[in-house]
Amino acid sequence: MPEFSWPDRSQVPAPDDIDRSWPVTVSALPLGSPVTGTVIGRQPFGVFLLLNDTPNAIGLAEITAMPHHMELPALGATVAGEVIWHADHNRQVKIRLDEWHVSS
């Protein structure tokens, strides 16, 4: 049975920091941009990511945007994908995953 969890608050930037950084995040990660990140939360609908190289950026890869033959990546896994949407209402970068591996 898969383990599900919301992101630990210690791993997530403060909401004010995410809000302040949102214009920079959107500018730095236009649609189609390749991204990498670390899985910080898992839910039945997808995984939350702390995006690399973009301060205060949180991503969400919904299960519909993952390869069909793969299971959800584990907490702590490094994943790669592409930006497919900017969700202004909750300041999340929507990601379509390409691949992932477990970090050591």
C-alpha atoms as a PDB file:
ATOM      1  CA  MET A   1       0.000   0.000   0.000  1.00  0.00           C
ATOM      2  CA  PRO A   2       1.503   3.383  -1.004  1.00  0.00           C
ATOM      3  CA  GLU A   3       2.363   5.916   1.666  1.00  0.00           C
ATOM      4  CA  PHE A   4       0.646   9.297   1.315  1.00  0.00           C
ATOM      5  CA  SER A   5       1.596  12.522   3.039  1.00  0.00           C
ATOM      6  CA  TRP A   6       1.235  16.256   2.715  1.00  0.00           C
ATOM      7  CA  PRO A   7       4.472  18.240   2.476  1.00  0.00           C
ATOM      8  CA  ASP A   8       6.159  18.789   5.827  1.00  0.00           C
ATOM      9  CA  ARG A   9       5.961  22.501   6.664  1.00  0.00           C
ATOM     10  CA  SER A  10       9.712  22.520   7.329  1.00  0.00           C
ATOM     11  CA  GLN A  11      10.295  21.687   3.639  1.00  0.00           C
ATOM     12  CA  VAL A  12       7.879  24.231   2.199  1.00  0.00           C
ATOM     13  CA  PRO A  13       8.734  27.920   1.831  1.00  0.00           C
ATOM     14  CA  ALA A  14       6.590  30.317   3.856  1.00  0.00           C
ATOM     15  CA  PRO A  15       3.392  31.395   2.057  1.00  0.00           C
ATOM     16  CA  ASP A  16       4.543  35.038   2.019  1.00  0.00           C
ATOM     17  CA  ASP A  17       7.825  34.015   0.379  1.00  0.00           C
ATOM     18  CA  ILE A  18       5.966  31.987  -2.245  1.00  0.00           C
ATOM     19  CA  ASP A  19       3.644  34.938  -2.961  1.00  0.00           C
ATOM     20  CA  ARG A  20       6.508  37.446  -3.222  1.00  0.00           C
ATOM     21  CA  SER A  21       8.477  35.122  -5.506  1.00  0.00           C
ATOM     22  CA  TRP A  22       5.550  34.147  -7.760  1.00  0.00           C
ATOM     23  CA  PRO A  23       6.213  36.730 -10.545  1.00  0.00           C
ATOM     24  CA  VAL A  24       9.869  35.627 -10.675  1.00  0.00           C
ATOM     25  CA  THR A  25       8.840  31.947 -10.624  1.00  0.00           C
ATOM     26  CA  VAL A  26       6.466  32.406 -13.580  1.00  0.00           C
ATOM     27  CA  SER A  27       9.090  34.396 -15.496  1.00  0.00           C
ATOM     28  CA  ALA A  28      11.877  31.880 -14.771  1.00  0.00           C
ATOM     29  CA  LEU A  29       9.730  28.838 -15.657  1.00  0.00           C
ATOM     30  CA  PRO A  30       7.734  29.563 -18.817  1.00  0.00           C
ATOM     31  CA  LEU A  31       5.464  26.854 -20.219  1.00  0.00           C
ATOM     32  CA  GLY A  32       7.524  24.077 -21.767  1.00  0.00           C
ATOM     33  CA  SER A  33      10.535  24.683 -19.499  1.00  0.00           C
ATOM     34  CA  PRO A  34      12.401  21.623 -18.268  1.00  0.00           C
ATOM     35  CA  VAL A  35      12.476  21.375 -14.467  1.00  0.00           C
ATOM     36  CA  THR A  36      13.788  19.082 -11.771  1.00  0.00           C
ATOM     37  CA  GLY A  37      12.688  18.829  -8.183  1.00  0.00           C
ATOM     38  CA  THR A  38      12.474  16.731  -5.063  1.00  0.00           C
ATOM     39  CA  VAL A  39       9.265  14.995  -4.009  1.00  0.00           C
ATOM     40  CA  ILE A  40       8.135  16.517  -0.703  1.00  0.00           C
ATOM     41  CA  GLY A  41       4.562  15.184  -0.560  1.00  0.00           C
ATOM     42  CA  ARG A  42       2.515  12.333  -2.049  1.00  0.00           C
ATOM     43  CA  GLN A  43      -1.250  12.143  -2.452  1.00  0.00           C
ATOM     44  CA  PRO A  44      -3.464   9.826  -4.499  1.00  0.00           C
ATOM     45  CA  PHE A  45      -3.828  12.626  -7.077  1.00  0.00           C
ATOM     46  CA  GLY A  46      -0.076  13.286  -7.527  1.00  0.00           C
ATOM     47  CA  VAL A  47       3.121  14.556  -5.935  1.00  0.00           C
ATOM     48  CA  PHE A  48       4.269  17.912  -4.589  1.00  0.00           C
ATOM     49  CA  LEU A  49       7.753  19.049  -5.570  1.00  0.00           C
ATOM     50  CA  LEU A  50      10.275  21.512  -4.246  1.00  0.00           C
ATOM     51  CA  LEU A  51      11.670  22.800  -7.532  1.00  0.00           C
ATOM     52  CA  ASN A  52      15.418  23.054  -8.014  1.00  0.00           C
ATOM     53  CA  ASP A  53      17.088  26.304  -9.076  1.00  0.00           C
ATOM     54  CA  THR A  54      13.958  28.419  -8.466  1.00  0.00           C
ATOM     55  CA  PRO A  55      13.728  29.797  -4.924  1.00  0.00           C
ATOM     56  CA  ASN A  56      10.357  29.445  -3.191  1.00  0.00           C
ATOM     57  CA  ALA A  57       8.807  27.459  -6.064  1.00  0.00           C
ATOM     58  CA  ILE A  58       6.443  24.550  -5.396  1.00  0.00           C
ATOM     59  CA  GLY A  59       5.377  22.199  -8.153  1.00  0.00           C
ATOM     60  CA  LEU A  60       2.550  19.715  -8.458  1.00  0.00           C
ATOM     61  CA  ALA A  61       2.637  16.753 -10.807  1.00  0.00           C
ATOM     62  CA  GLU A  62      -0.865  15.349 -10.966  1.00  0.00           C
ATOM     63  CA  ILE A  63      -1.236  11.659 -11.685  1.00  0.00           C
ATOM     64  CA  THR A  64      -2.749  12.489 -15.079  1.00  0.00           C
ATOM     65  CA  ALA A  65       0.565  14.148 -16.002  1.00  0.00           C
ATOM     66  CA  MET A  66       2.754  11.123 -15.186  1.00  0.00           C
ATOM     67  CA  PRO A  67       3.838   8.230 -17.391  1.00  0.00           C
ATOM     68  CA  HIS A  68       1.037   5.637 -17.256  1.00  0.00           C
ATOM     69  CA  HIS A  69       3.277   2.659 -16.505  1.00  0.00           C
ATOM     70  CA  MET A  70       4.923   4.252 -13.455  1.00  0.00           C
ATOM     71  CA  GLU A  71       3.939   4.433  -9.794  1.00  0.00           C
ATOM     72  CA  LEU A  72       4.113   7.631  -7.786  1.00  0.00           C
ATOM     73  CA  PRO A  73       7.715   8.555  -7.031  1.00  0.00           C
ATOM     74  CA  ALA A  74       8.773   8.167  -3.399  1.00  0.00           C
ATOM     75  CA  LEU A  75       9.336  10.988  -0.936  1.00  0.00           C
ATOM     76  CA  GLY A  76      12.819  12.341  -1.494  1.00  0.00           C
ATOM     77  CA  ALA A  77      12.998  11.134  -5.112  1.00  0.00           C
ATOM     78  CA  THR A  78      14.433  13.486  -7.694  1.00  0.00           C
ATOM     79  CA  VAL A  79      12.142  13.967 -10.673  1.00  0.00           C
ATOM     80  CA  ALA A  80      12.359  15.685 -14.043  1.00  0.00           C
ATOM     81  CA  GLY A  81       9.598  17.073 -16.184  1.00  0.00           C
ATOM     82  CA  GLU A  82       8.159  20.015 -18.064  1.00  0.00           C
ATOM     83  CA  VAL A  83       6.141  23.046 -16.955  1.00  0.00           C
ATOM     84  CA  ILE A  84       2.584  22.737 -18.304  1.00  0.00           C
ATOM     85  CA  TRP A  85       0.709  25.409 -16.321  1.00  0.00           C
ATOM     86  CA  HIS A  86       1.000  28.151 -13.704  1.00  0.00           C
ATOM     87  CA  ALA A  87      -1.778  27.945 -11.109  1.00  0.00           C
ATOM     88  CA  ASP A  88      -2.027  31.572  -9.973  1.00  0.00           C
ATOM     89  CA  HIS A  89      -4.720  30.872  -7.368  1.00  0.00           C
ATOM     90  CA  ASN A  90      -2.439  28.673  -5.232  1.00  0.00           C
ATOM     91  CA  ARG A  91       0.986  29.612  -6.610  1.00  0.00           C
ATOM     92  CA  GLN A  92       1.842  26.140  -7.917  1.00  0.00           C
ATOM     93  CA  VAL A  93       3.767  25.252 -11.021  1.00  0.00           C
ATOM     94  CA  LYS A  94       2.037  22.317 -12.714  1.00  0.00           C
ATOM     95  CA  ILE A  95       4.517  19.745 -14.015  1.00  0.00           C
ATOM     96  CA  ARG A  96       4.281  16.832 -16.446  1.00  0.00           C
ATOM     97  CA  LEU A  97       6.809  14.250 -15.263  1.00  0.00           C
ATOM     98  CA  ASP A  98       9.197  12.598 -17.665  1.00  0.00           C
ATOM     99  CA  GLU A  99      11.284  10.466 -15.370  1.00  0.00           C
ATOM    100  CA  TRP A 100      12.503  10.037 -11.826  1.00  0.00           C
ATOM    101  CA  HIS A 101      15.015   8.164  -9.753  1.00  0.00           C
ATOM    102  CA  VAL A 102      15.647   7.702  -6.083  1.00  0.00           C
ATOM    103  CA  SER A 103      18.343   9.998  -4.740  1.00  0.00           C
ATOM    104  CA  SER A 104      21.033   8.418  -2.625  1.00  0.00           C
END
